Amino acid sequence: MSEDGLDPVIHAPARLRLMVTLAALPDGDTLSFTRLQDMIGLTPGNLITHLRKLEGAGYVQTDKTGSGVNALTTVALTHNGRTALDRYTVALRQLLDTAEPARQD
């Protein structure tokens, strides 16, 4: 957590989009890797890199079933991920609320 309360793992734009997209699902639901890639617009390599970072923090869970052309990887937000995103959202709102309006000279 940074000084302003913004979680640097979530704060990266691509990871924030991933978290918000997964948070829109009902608790326990998953998205396929391919569907998530299409929704976010990342290359497979970039998506894997960001998912690994989020998974390392305990924010997402990936499951792979099958092998070869029949392999299916699904991604879900964990309970810790939802909690972290909620904390992040509160910190961001507080930061925005404390910002002074730009002066019109």
PDB file of N, CA and C in Angstrom:
ATOM      1  N   MET A   1       0.854  -1.173   0.000  1.00  0.00           N
ATOM      2  CA  MET A   1       0.000   0.000   0.000  1.00  0.00           C
ATOM      3  C   MET A   1       0.897   1.232   0.000  1.00  0.00           C
ATOM      4  N   SER A   2       0.581   2.193  -0.819  1.00  0.00           N
ATOM      5  CA  SER A   2       1.381   3.413  -0.885  1.00  0.00           C
ATOM      6  C   SER A   2       0.918   4.396   0.193  1.00  0.00           C
ATOM      7  N   GLU A   3       1.643   5.522   0.299  1.00  0.00           N
ATOM      8  CA  GLU A   3       1.313   6.531   1.306  1.00  0.00           C
ATOM      9  C   GLU A   3      -0.115   7.047   1.169  1.00  0.00           C
ATOM     10  N   ASP A   4      -0.591   7.138  -0.067  1.00  0.00           N
ATOM     11  CA  ASP A   4      -1.945   7.657  -0.280  1.00  0.00           C
ATOM     12  C   ASP A   4      -3.005   6.565  -0.209  1.00  0.00           C
ATOM     13  N   GLY A   5      -2.603   5.335   0.131  1.00  0.00           N
ATOM     14  CA  GLY A   5      -3.556   4.247   0.280  1.00  0.00           C
ATOM     15  C   GLY A   5      -3.876   3.515  -1.003  1.00  0.00           C
ATOM     16  N   LEU A   6      -3.257   3.924  -2.106  1.00  0.00           N
ATOM     17  CA  LEU A   6      -3.524   3.262  -3.382  1.00  0.00           C
ATOM     18  C   LEU A   6      -2.599   2.060  -3.533  1.00  0.00           C
ATOM     19  N   ASP A   7      -3.168   0.912  -3.731  1.00  0.00           N
ATOM     20  CA  ASP A   7      -2.436  -0.345  -3.869  1.00  0.00           C
ATOM     21  C   ASP A   7      -1.689  -0.345  -5.197  1.00  0.00           C
ATOM     22  N   PRO A   8      -0.348  -0.376  -5.199  1.00  0.00           N
ATOM     23  CA  PRO A   8       0.402  -0.325  -6.457  1.00  0.00           C
ATOM     24  C   PRO A   8       0.173  -1.542  -7.355  1.00  0.00           C
ATOM     25  N   VAL A   9      -0.231  -2.661  -6.774  1.00  0.00           N
ATOM     26  CA  VAL A   9      -0.530  -3.838  -7.600  1.00  0.00           C
ATOM     27  C   VAL A   9      -1.778  -3.572  -8.444  1.00  0.00           C
ATOM     28  N   ILE A  10      -2.748  -2.933  -7.878  1.00  0.00           N
ATOM     29  CA  ILE A  10      -3.995  -2.633  -8.587  1.00  0.00           C
ATOM     30  C   ILE A  10      -3.857  -1.379  -9.445  1.00  0.00           C
ATOM     31  N   HIS A  11      -3.030  -0.438  -9.032  1.00  0.00           N
ATOM     32  CA  HIS A  11      -2.983   0.895  -9.634  1.00  0.00           C
ATOM     33  C   HIS A  11      -2.546   0.922 -11.098  1.00  0.00           C
ATOM     34  N   ALA A  12      -1.786  -0.063 -11.553  1.00  0.00           N
ATOM     35  CA  ALA A  12      -1.392  -0.103 -12.971  1.00  0.00           C
ATOM     36  C   ALA A  12      -2.653  -0.170 -13.817  1.00  0.00           C
ATOM     37  N   PRO A  13      -2.760   0.661 -14.859  1.00  0.00           N
ATOM     38  CA  PRO A  13      -4.010   0.744 -15.627  1.00  0.00           C
ATOM     39  C   PRO A  13      -4.563  -0.599 -16.118  1.00  0.00           C
ATOM     40  N   ALA A  14      -3.728  -1.454 -16.661  1.00  0.00           N
ATOM     41  CA  ALA A  14      -4.221  -2.741 -17.172  1.00  0.00           C
ATOM     42  C   ALA A  14      -4.740  -3.614 -16.037  1.00  0.00           C
ATOM     43  N   ARG A  15      -4.038  -3.614 -14.906  1.00  0.00           N
ATOM     44  CA  ARG A  15      -4.483  -4.437 -13.779  1.00  0.00           C
ATOM     45  C   ARG A  15      -5.754  -3.869 -13.156  1.00  0.00           C
ATOM     46  N   LEU A  16      -5.889  -2.558 -13.141  1.00  0.00           N
ATOM     47  CA  LEU A  16      -7.123  -1.955 -12.643  1.00  0.00           C
ATOM     48  C   LEU A  16      -8.300  -2.370 -13.524  1.00  0.00           C
ATOM     49  N   ARG A  17      -8.103  -2.331 -14.832  1.00  0.00           N
ATOM     50  CA  ARG A  17      -9.177  -2.776 -15.754  1.00  0.00           C
ATOM     51  C   ARG A  17      -9.516  -4.246 -15.530  1.00  0.00           C
ATOM     52  N   LEU A  18      -8.511  -5.081 -15.308  1.00  0.00           N
ATOM     53  CA  LEU A  18      -8.758  -6.501 -15.040  1.00  0.00           C
ATOM     54  C   LEU A  18      -9.570  -6.674 -13.764  1.00  0.00           C
ATOM     55  N   MET A  19      -9.160  -5.987 -12.717  1.00  0.00           N
ATOM     56  CA  MET A  19      -9.860  -6.105 -11.432  1.00  0.00           C
ATOM     57  C   MET A  19     -11.309  -5.652 -11.538  1.00  0.00           C
ATOM     58  N   VAL A  20     -11.530  -4.514 -12.186  1.00  0.00           N
ATOM     59  CA  VAL A  20     -12.888  -3.981 -12.309  1.00  0.00           C
ATOM     60  C   VAL A  20     -13.755  -4.908 -13.164  1.00  0.00           C
ATOM     61  N   THR A  21     -13.183  -5.435 -14.231  1.00  0.00           N
ATOM     62  CA  THR A  21     -13.927  -6.354 -15.095  1.00  0.00           C
ATOM     63  C   THR A  21     -14.332  -7.603 -14.325  1.00  0.00           C
ATOM     64  N   LEU A  22     -13.405  -8.184 -13.576  1.00  0.00           N
ATOM     65  CA  LEU A  22     -13.713  -9.392 -12.807  1.00  0.00           C
ATOM     66  C   LEU A  22     -14.662  -9.095 -11.648  1.00  0.00           C
ATOM     67  N   ALA A  23     -14.566  -7.893 -11.067  1.00  0.00           N
ATOM     68  CA  ALA A  23     -15.455  -7.523  -9.956  1.00  0.00           C
ATOM     69  C   ALA A  23     -16.895  -7.357 -10.415  1.00  0.00           C
ATOM     70  N   ALA A  24     -17.095  -7.112 -11.700  1.00  0.00           N
ATOM     71  CA  ALA A  24     -18.459  -6.964 -12.223  1.00  0.00           C
ATOM     72  C   ALA A  24     -19.190  -8.307 -12.278  1.00  0.00           C
ATOM     73  N   LEU A  25     -18.445  -9.396 -12.178  1.00  0.00           N
ATOM     74  CA  LEU A  25     -19.057 -10.727 -12.175  1.00  0.00           C
ATOM     75  C   LEU A  25     -19.636 -11.029 -10.801  1.00  0.00           C
ATOM     76  N   PRO A  26     -20.684 -11.830 -10.753  1.00  0.00           N
ATOM     77  CA  PRO A  26     -21.163 -12.276  -9.444  1.00  0.00           C
ATOM     78  C   PRO A  26     -20.060 -13.068  -8.731  1.00  0.00           C
ATOM     79  N   ASP A  27     -20.048 -13.011  -7.423  1.00  0.00           N
ATOM     80  CA  ASP A  27     -19.048 -13.707  -6.615  1.00  0.00           C
ATOM     81  C   ASP A  27     -18.978 -15.179  -7.030  1.00  0.00           C
ATOM     82  N   GLY A  28     -17.776 -15.647  -7.316  1.00  0.00           N
ATOM     83  CA  GLY A  28     -17.576 -17.046  -7.685  1.00  0.00           C
ATOM     84  C   GLY A  28     -17.604 -17.325  -9.177  1.00  0.00           C
ATOM     85  N   ASP A  29     -18.079 -16.390  -9.988  1.00  0.00           N
ATOM     86  CA  ASP A  29     -18.104 -16.580 -11.440  1.00  0.00           C
ATOM     87  C   ASP A  29     -16.707 -16.377 -12.022  1.00  0.00           C
ATOM     88  N   THR A  30     -16.492 -16.959 -13.182  1.00  0.00           N
ATOM     89  CA  THR A  30     -15.194 -16.870 -13.848  1.00  0.00           C
ATOM     90  C   THR A  30     -15.369 -16.379 -15.277  1.00  0.00           C
ATOM     91  N   LEU A  31     -14.257 -15.925 -15.849  1.00  0.00           N
ATOM     92  CA  LEU A  31     -14.201 -15.612 -17.273  1.00  0.00           C
ATOM     93  C   LEU A  31     -13.101 -16.470 -17.879  1.00  0.00           C
ATOM     94  N   SER A  32     -13.296 -16.886 -19.117  1.00  0.00           N
ATOM     95  CA  SER A  32     -12.213 -17.597 -19.787  1.00  0.00           C
ATOM     96  C   SER A  32     -11.096 -16.599 -20.106  1.00  0.00           C
ATOM     97  N   PHE A  33      -9.890 -17.102 -20.184  1.00  0.00           N
ATOM     98  CA  PHE A  33      -8.734 -16.270 -20.518  1.00  0.00           C
ATOM     99  C   PHE A  33      -8.994 -15.537 -21.828  1.00  0.00           C
ATOM    100  N   THR A  34      -9.516 -16.256 -22.824  1.00  0.00           N
ATOM    101  CA  THR A  34      -9.759 -15.677 -24.142  1.00  0.00           C
ATOM    102  C   THR A  34     -10.801 -14.563 -24.079  1.00  0.00           C
ATOM    103  N   ARG A  35     -11.870 -14.783 -23.353  1.00  0.00           N
ATOM    104  CA  ARG A  35     -12.916 -13.757 -23.221  1.00  0.00           C
ATOM    105  C   ARG A  35     -12.371 -12.528 -22.489  1.00  0.00           C
ATOM    106  N   LEU A  36     -11.613 -12.766 -21.437  1.00  0.00           N
ATOM    107  CA  LEU A  36     -11.023 -11.660 -20.693  1.00  0.00           C
ATOM    108  C   LEU A  36     -10.052 -10.878 -21.578  1.00  0.00           C
ATOM    109  N   GLN A  37      -9.272 -11.585 -22.364  1.00  0.00           N
ATOM    110  CA  GLN A  37      -8.340 -10.938 -23.287  1.00  0.00           C
ATOM    111  C   GLN A  37      -9.094 -10.059 -24.279  1.00  0.00           C
ATOM    112  N   ASP A  38     -10.194 -10.574 -24.823  1.00  0.00           N
ATOM    113  CA  ASP A  38     -11.002  -9.797 -25.768  1.00  0.00           C
ATOM    114  C   ASP A  38     -11.595  -8.554 -25.104  1.00  0.00           C
ATOM    115  N   MET A  39     -12.059  -8.694 -23.880  1.00  0.00           N
ATOM    116  CA  MET A  39     -12.694  -7.577 -23.179  1.00  0.00           C
ATOM    117  C   MET A  39     -11.697  -6.480 -22.809  1.00  0.00           C
ATOM    118  N   ILE A  40     -10.491  -6.876 -22.418  1.00  0.00           N
ATOM    119  CA  ILE A  40      -9.491  -5.917 -21.956  1.00  0.00           C
ATOM    120  C   ILE A  40      -8.645  -5.385 -23.101  1.00  0.00           C
ATOM    121  N   GLY A  41      -8.445  -6.208 -24.136  1.00  0.00           N
ATOM    122  CA  GLY A  41      -7.666  -5.775 -25.293  1.00  0.00           C
ATOM    123  C   GLY A  41      -6.164  -5.899 -25.116  1.00  0.00           C
ATOM    124  N   LEU A  42      -5.731  -6.847 -24.300  1.00  0.00           N
ATOM    125  CA  LEU A  42      -4.303  -7.084 -24.107  1.00  0.00           C
ATOM    126  C   LEU A  42      -3.846  -8.270 -24.947  1.00  0.00           C
ATOM    127  N   THR A  43      -2.552  -8.292 -25.265  1.00  0.00           N
ATOM    128  CA  THR A  43      -1.997  -9.464 -25.934  1.00  0.00           C
ATOM    129  C   THR A  43      -1.950 -10.601 -24.914  1.00  0.00           C
ATOM    130  N   PRO A  44      -1.896 -11.838 -25.380  1.00  0.00           N
ATOM    131  CA  PRO A  44      -1.819 -12.956 -24.419  1.00  0.00           C
ATOM    132  C   PRO A  44      -0.647 -12.811 -23.445  1.00  0.00           C
ATOM    133  N   GLY A  45       0.518 -12.411 -23.948  1.00  0.00           N
ATOM    134  CA  GLY A  45       1.680 -12.261 -23.077  1.00  0.00           C
ATOM    135  C   GLY A  45       1.492 -11.194 -22.021  1.00  0.00           C
ATOM    136  N   ASN A  46       0.922 -10.052 -22.403  1.00  0.00           N
ATOM    137  CA  ASN A  46       0.666  -8.981 -21.435  1.00  0.00           C
ATOM    138  C   ASN A  46      -0.371  -9.409 -20.404  1.00  0.00           C
ATOM    139  N   LEU A  47      -1.409 -10.090 -20.868  1.00  0.00           N
ATOM    140  CA  LEU A  47      -2.450 -10.540 -19.942  1.00  0.00           C
ATOM    141  C   LEU A  47      -1.866 -11.528 -18.935  1.00  0.00           C
ATOM    142  N   ILE A  48      -1.054 -12.465 -19.408  1.00  0.00           N
ATOM    143  CA  ILE A  48      -0.436 -13.439 -18.507  1.00  0.00           C
ATOM    144  C   ILE A  48       0.416 -12.724 -17.462  1.00  0.00           C
ATOM    145  N   THR A  49       1.207 -11.751 -17.901  1.00  0.00           N
ATOM    146  CA  THR A  49       2.078 -11.011 -16.980  1.00  0.00           C
ATOM    147  C   THR A  49       1.271 -10.312 -15.888  1.00  0.00           C
ATOM    148  N   HIS A  50       0.198  -9.632 -16.275  1.00  0.00           N
ATOM    149  CA  HIS A  50      -0.622  -8.920 -15.289  1.00  0.00           C
ATOM    150  C   HIS A  50      -1.375  -9.887 -14.385  1.00  0.00           C
ATOM    151  N   LEU A  51      -1.866 -10.986 -14.942  1.00  0.00           N
ATOM    152  CA  LEU A  51      -2.565 -11.973 -14.114  1.00  0.00           C
ATOM    153  C   LEU A  51      -1.618 -12.603 -13.100  1.00  0.00           C
ATOM    154  N   ARG A  52      -0.389 -12.861 -13.492  1.00  0.00           N
ATOM    155  CA  ARG A  52       0.592 -13.422 -12.543  1.00  0.00           C
ATOM    156  C   ARG A  52       0.833 -12.472 -11.378  1.00  0.00           C
ATOM    157  N   LYS A  53       0.941 -11.184 -11.685  1.00  0.00           N
ATOM    158  CA  LYS A  53       1.145 -10.185 -10.627  1.00  0.00           C
ATOM    159  C   LYS A  53      -0.060 -10.168  -9.680  1.00  0.00           C
ATOM    160  N   LEU A  54      -1.259 -10.170 -10.232  1.00  0.00           N
ATOM    161  CA  LEU A  54      -2.475 -10.168  -9.414  1.00  0.00           C
ATOM    162  C   LEU A  54      -2.628 -11.474  -8.644  1.00  0.00           C
ATOM    163  N   GLU A  55      -2.266 -12.573  -9.270  1.00  0.00           N
ATOM    164  CA  GLU A  55      -2.360 -13.872  -8.605  1.00  0.00           C
ATOM    165  C   GLU A  55      -1.336 -13.951  -7.463  1.00  0.00           C
ATOM    166  N   GLY A  56      -0.147 -13.410  -7.689  1.00  0.00           N
ATOM    167  CA  GLY A  56       0.872 -13.383  -6.648  1.00  0.00           C
ATOM    168  C   GLY A  56       0.432 -12.600  -5.418  1.00  0.00           C
ATOM    169  N   ALA A  57      -0.389 -11.597  -5.629  1.00  0.00           N
ATOM    170  CA  ALA A  57      -0.923 -10.796  -4.522  1.00  0.00           C
ATOM    171  C   ALA A  57      -2.148 -11.456  -3.888  1.00  0.00           C
ATOM    172  N   GLY A  58      -2.627 -12.548  -4.488  1.00  0.00           N
ATOM    173  CA  GLY A  58      -3.811 -13.225  -3.964  1.00  0.00           C
ATOM    174  C   GLY A  58      -5.115 -12.604  -4.406  1.00  0.00           C
ATOM    175  N   TYR A  59      -5.073 -11.766  -5.454  1.00  0.00           N
ATOM    176  CA  TYR A  59      -6.268 -11.041  -5.888  1.00  0.00           C
ATOM    177  C   TYR A  59      -7.086 -11.789  -6.935  1.00  0.00           C
ATOM    178  N   VAL A  60      -6.448 -12.635  -7.723  1.00  0.00           N
ATOM    179  CA  VAL A  60      -7.165 -13.440  -8.707  1.00  0.00           C
ATOM    180  C   VAL A  60      -6.713 -14.885  -8.594  1.00  0.00           C
ATOM    181  N   GLN A  61      -7.548 -15.744  -9.134  1.00  0.00           N
ATOM    182  CA  GLN A  61      -7.234 -17.169  -9.188  1.00  0.00           C
ATOM    183  C   GLN A  61      -7.427 -17.632 -10.620  1.00  0.00           C
ATOM    184  N   THR A  62      -6.466 -18.364 -11.142  1.00  0.00           N
ATOM    185  CA  THR A  62      -6.596 -18.931 -12.480  1.00  0.00           C
ATOM    186  C   THR A  62      -6.643 -20.445 -12.347  1.00  0.00           C
ATOM    187  N   ASP A  63      -7.448 -21.066 -13.176  1.00  0.00           N
ATOM    188  CA  ASP A  63      -7.558 -22.523 -13.218  1.00  0.00           C
ATOM    189  C   ASP A  63      -7.451 -22.974 -14.654  1.00  0.00           C
ATOM    190  N   LYS A  64      -6.610 -23.972 -14.883  1.00  0.00           N
ATOM    191  CA  LYS A  64      -6.448 -24.516 -16.227  1.00  0.00           C
ATOM    192  C   LYS A  64      -6.918 -25.955 -16.229  1.00  0.00           C
ATOM    193  N   THR A  65      -7.799 -26.268 -17.181  1.00  0.00           N
ATOM    194  CA  THR A  65      -8.276 -27.630 -17.344  1.00  0.00           C
ATOM    195  C   THR A  65      -7.964 -28.086 -18.760  1.00  0.00           C
ATOM    196  N   GLY A  66      -7.719 -29.370 -18.922  1.00  0.00           N
ATOM    197  CA  GLY A  66      -7.429 -29.915 -20.242  1.00  0.00           C
ATOM    198  C   GLY A  66      -6.004 -29.592 -20.663  1.00  0.00           C
ATOM    199  N   SER A  67      -5.696 -29.988 -21.894  1.00  0.00           N
ATOM    200  CA  SER A  67      -4.364 -29.722 -22.440  1.00  0.00           C
ATOM    201  C   SER A  67      -4.469 -29.553 -23.946  1.00  0.00           C
ATOM    202  N   GLY A  68      -3.428 -28.979 -24.514  1.00  0.00           N
ATOM    203  CA  GLY A  68      -3.393 -28.768 -25.965  1.00  0.00           C
ATOM    204  C   GLY A  68      -4.501 -27.853 -26.423  1.00  0.00           C
ATOM    205  N   VAL A  69      -5.131 -28.211 -27.554  1.00  0.00           N
ATOM    206  CA  VAL A  69      -6.193 -27.376 -28.119  1.00  0.00           C
ATOM    207  C   VAL A  69      -7.450 -27.391 -27.261  1.00  0.00           C
ATOM    208  N   ASN A  70      -7.567 -28.369 -26.363  1.00  0.00           N
ATOM    209  CA  ASN A  70      -8.741 -28.466 -25.497  1.00  0.00           C
ATOM    210  C   ASN A  70      -8.542 -27.766 -24.151  1.00  0.00           C
ATOM    211  N   ALA A  71      -7.396 -27.102 -23.970  1.00  0.00           N
ATOM    212  CA  ALA A  71      -7.122 -26.424 -22.702  1.00  0.00           C
ATOM    213  C   ALA A  71      -8.046 -25.225 -22.523  1.00  0.00           C
ATOM    214  N   LEU A  72      -8.493 -25.040 -21.302  1.00  0.00           N
ATOM    215  CA  LEU A  72      -9.329 -23.890 -20.963  1.00  0.00           C
ATOM    216  C   LEU A  72      -8.801 -23.292 -19.671  1.00  0.00           C
ATOM    217  N   THR A  73      -8.456 -22.029 -19.722  1.00  0.00           N
ATOM    218  CA  THR A  73      -8.013 -21.313 -18.530  1.00  0.00           C
ATOM    219  C   THR A  73      -9.099 -20.332 -18.142  1.00  0.00           C
ATOM    220  N   THR A  74      -9.496 -20.389 -16.881  1.00  0.00           N
ATOM    221  CA  THR A  74     -10.494 -19.460 -16.376  1.00  0.00           C
ATOM    222  C   THR A  74      -9.864 -18.587 -15.297  1.00  0.00           C
ATOM    223  N   VAL A  75     -10.430 -17.403 -15.138  1.00  0.00           N
ATOM    224  CA  VAL A  75      -9.913 -16.420 -14.189  1.00  0.00           C
ATOM    225  C   VAL A  75     -11.069 -15.936 -13.323  1.00  0.00           C
ATOM    226  N   ALA A  76     -10.814 -15.805 -12.025  1.00  0.00           N
ATOM    227  CA  ALA A  76     -11.826 -15.300 -11.097  1.00  0.00           C
ATOM    228  C   ALA A  76     -11.174 -14.365 -10.098  1.00  0.00           C
ATOM    229  N   LEU A  77     -11.931 -13.413  -9.619  1.00  0.00           N
ATOM    230  CA  LEU A  77     -11.496 -12.528  -8.548  1.00  0.00           C
ATOM    231  C   LEU A  77     -11.678 -13.271  -7.236  1.00  0.00           C
ATOM    232  N   THR A  78     -10.683 -13.218  -6.361  1.00  0.00           N
ATOM    233  CA  THR A  78     -10.796 -13.860  -5.056  1.00  0.00           C
ATOM    234  C   THR A  78     -11.493 -12.923  -4.075  1.00  0.00           C
ATOM    235  N   HIS A  79     -11.831 -13.462  -2.928  1.00  0.00           N
ATOM    236  CA  HIS A  79     -12.413 -12.625  -1.869  1.00  0.00           C
ATOM    237  C   HIS A  79     -11.423 -11.522  -1.479  1.00  0.00           C
ATOM    238  N   ASN A  80     -10.148 -11.882  -1.351  1.00  0.00           N
ATOM    239  CA  ASN A  80      -9.123 -10.880  -1.040  1.00  0.00           C
ATOM    240  C   ASN A  80      -9.017  -9.825  -2.135  1.00  0.00           C
ATOM    241  N   GLY A  81      -9.224 -10.234  -3.378  1.00  0.00           N
ATOM    242  CA  GLY A  81      -9.190  -9.299  -4.494  1.00  0.00           C
ATOM    243  C   GLY A  81     -10.329  -8.300  -4.420  1.00  0.00           C
ATOM    244  N   ARG A  82     -11.522  -8.782  -4.089  1.00  0.00           N
ATOM    245  CA  ARG A  82     -12.676  -7.873  -3.948  1.00  0.00           C
ATOM    246  C   ARG A  82     -12.438  -6.875  -2.813  1.00  0.00           C
ATOM    247  N   THR A  83     -11.915  -7.390  -1.700  1.00  0.00           N
ATOM    248  CA  THR A  83     -11.631  -6.523  -0.555  1.00  0.00           C
ATOM    249  C   THR A  83     -10.586  -5.477  -0.917  1.00  0.00           C
ATOM    250  N   ALA A  84      -9.530  -5.902  -1.609  1.00  0.00           N
ATOM    251  CA  ALA A  84      -8.464  -4.971  -2.006  1.00  0.00           C
ATOM    252  C   ALA A  84      -9.004  -3.909  -2.966  1.00  0.00           C
ATOM    253  N   LEU A  85      -9.859  -4.308  -3.903  1.00  0.00           N
ATOM    254  CA  LEU A  85     -10.431  -3.349  -4.842  1.00  0.00           C
ATOM    255  C   LEU A  85     -11.347  -2.370  -4.117  1.00  0.00           C
ATOM    256  N   ASP A  86     -12.101  -2.855  -3.145  1.00  0.00           N
ATOM    257  CA  ASP A  86     -12.949  -1.959  -2.345  1.00  0.00           C
ATOM    258  C   ASP A  86     -12.099  -0.934  -1.596  1.00  0.00           C
ATOM    259  N   ARG A  87     -11.005  -1.386  -0.973  1.00  0.00           N
ATOM    260  CA  ARG A  87     -10.099  -0.469  -0.257  1.00  0.00           C
ATOM    261  C   ARG A  87      -9.485   0.540  -1.224  1.00  0.00           C
ATOM    262  N   TYR A  88      -9.081   0.064  -2.380  1.00  0.00           N
ATOM    263  CA  TYR A  88      -8.486   0.926  -3.397  1.00  0.00           C
ATOM    264  C   TYR A  88      -9.487   2.006  -3.820  1.00  0.00           C
ATOM    265  N   THR A  89     -10.727   1.603  -4.052  1.00  0.00           N
ATOM    266  CA  THR A  89     -11.770   2.530  -4.486  1.00  0.00           C
ATOM    267  C   THR A  89     -12.018   3.599  -3.427  1.00  0.00           C
ATOM    268  N   VAL A  90     -12.071   3.196  -2.165  1.00  0.00           N
ATOM    269  CA  VAL A  90     -12.269   4.152  -1.071  1.00  0.00           C
ATOM    270  C   VAL A  90     -11.104   5.137  -1.027  1.00  0.00           C
ATOM    271  N   ALA A  91      -9.871   4.633  -1.120  1.00  0.00           N
ATOM    272  CA  ALA A  91      -8.686   5.504  -1.083  1.00  0.00           C
ATOM    273  C   ALA A  91      -8.688   6.483  -2.251  1.00  0.00           C
ATOM    274  N   LEU A  92      -9.068   6.013  -3.435  1.00  0.00           N
ATOM    275  CA  LEU A  92      -9.108   6.887  -4.606  1.00  0.00           C
ATOM    276  C   LEU A  92     -10.182   7.962  -4.446  1.00  0.00           C
ATOM    277  N   ARG A  93     -11.341   7.582  -3.939  1.00  0.00           N
ATOM    278  CA  ARG A  93     -12.404   8.577  -3.715  1.00  0.00           C
ATOM    279  C   ARG A  93     -11.981   9.618  -2.684  1.00  0.00           C
ATOM    280  N   GLN A  94     -11.320   9.169  -1.620  1.00  0.00           N
ATOM    281  CA  GLN A  94     -10.851  10.112  -0.602  1.00  0.00           C
ATOM    282  C   GLN A  94      -9.817  11.068  -1.190  1.00  0.00           C
ATOM    283  N   LEU A  95      -8.939  10.545  -2.008  1.00  0.00           N
ATOM    284  CA  LEU A  95      -7.935  11.383  -2.660  1.00  0.00           C
ATOM    285  C   LEU A  95      -8.597  12.422  -3.558  1.00  0.00           C
ATOM    286  N   LEU A  96      -9.582  12.004  -4.325  1.00  0.00           N
ATOM    287  CA  LEU A  96     -10.294  12.928  -5.210  1.00  0.00           C
ATOM    288  C   LEU A  96     -11.093  13.962  -4.420  1.00  0.00           C
ATOM    289  N   ASP A  97     -11.678  13.527  -3.310  1.00  0.00           N
ATOM    290  CA  ASP A  97     -12.467  14.449  -2.487  1.00  0.00           C
ATOM    291  C   ASP A  97     -11.611  15.532  -1.843  1.00  0.00           C
ATOM    292  N   THR A  98     -10.344  15.237  -1.594  1.00  0.00           N
ATOM    293  CA  THR A  98      -9.480  16.215  -0.943  1.00  0.00           C
ATOM    294  C   THR A  98      -8.788  17.141  -1.937  1.00  0.00           C
ATOM    295  N   ALA A  99      -8.900  16.840  -3.210  1.00  0.00           N
ATOM    296  CA  ALA A  99      -8.270  17.689  -4.227  1.00  0.00           C
ATOM    297  C   ALA A  99      -9.025  19.015  -4.315  1.00  0.00           C
ATOM    298  N   GLU A 100      -8.277  20.082  -4.365  1.00  0.00           N
ATOM    299  CA  GLU A 100      -8.901  21.400  -4.505  1.00  0.00           C
ATOM    300  C   GLU A 100      -9.200  21.655  -5.980  1.00  0.00           C
ATOM    301  N   PRO A 101     -10.309  22.350  -6.240  1.00  0.00           N
ATOM    302  CA  PRO A 101     -10.610  22.684  -7.626  1.00  0.00           C
ATOM    303  C   PRO A 101      -9.521  23.586  -8.215  1.00  0.00           C
ATOM    304  N   ALA A 102      -9.299  23.469  -9.475  1.00  0.00           N
ATOM    305  CA  ALA A 102      -8.306  24.317 -10.158  1.00  0.00           C
ATOM    306  C   ALA A 102      -8.735  25.778 -10.053  1.00  0.00           C
ATOM    307  N   ARG A 103      -7.765  26.625  -9.820  1.00  0.00           N
ATOM    308  CA  ARG A 103      -8.062  28.052  -9.694  1.00  0.00           C
ATOM    309  C   ARG A 103      -8.247  28.660 -11.072  1.00  0.00           C
ATOM    310  N   GLN A 104      -9.232  29.489 -11.199  1.00  0.00           N
ATOM    311  CA  GLN A 104      -9.498  30.242 -12.432  1.00  0.00           C
ATOM    312  C   GLN A 104      -8.978  31.655 -12.261  1.00  0.00           C
ATOM    313  N   ASP A 105      -7.800  31.942 -12.779  1.00  0.00           N
ATOM    314  CA  ASP A 105      -7.234  33.299 -12.630  1.00  0.00           C
ATOM    315  C   ASP A 105      -7.575  34.169 -13.801  1.00  0.00           C
TER     316      ASP A 105
END
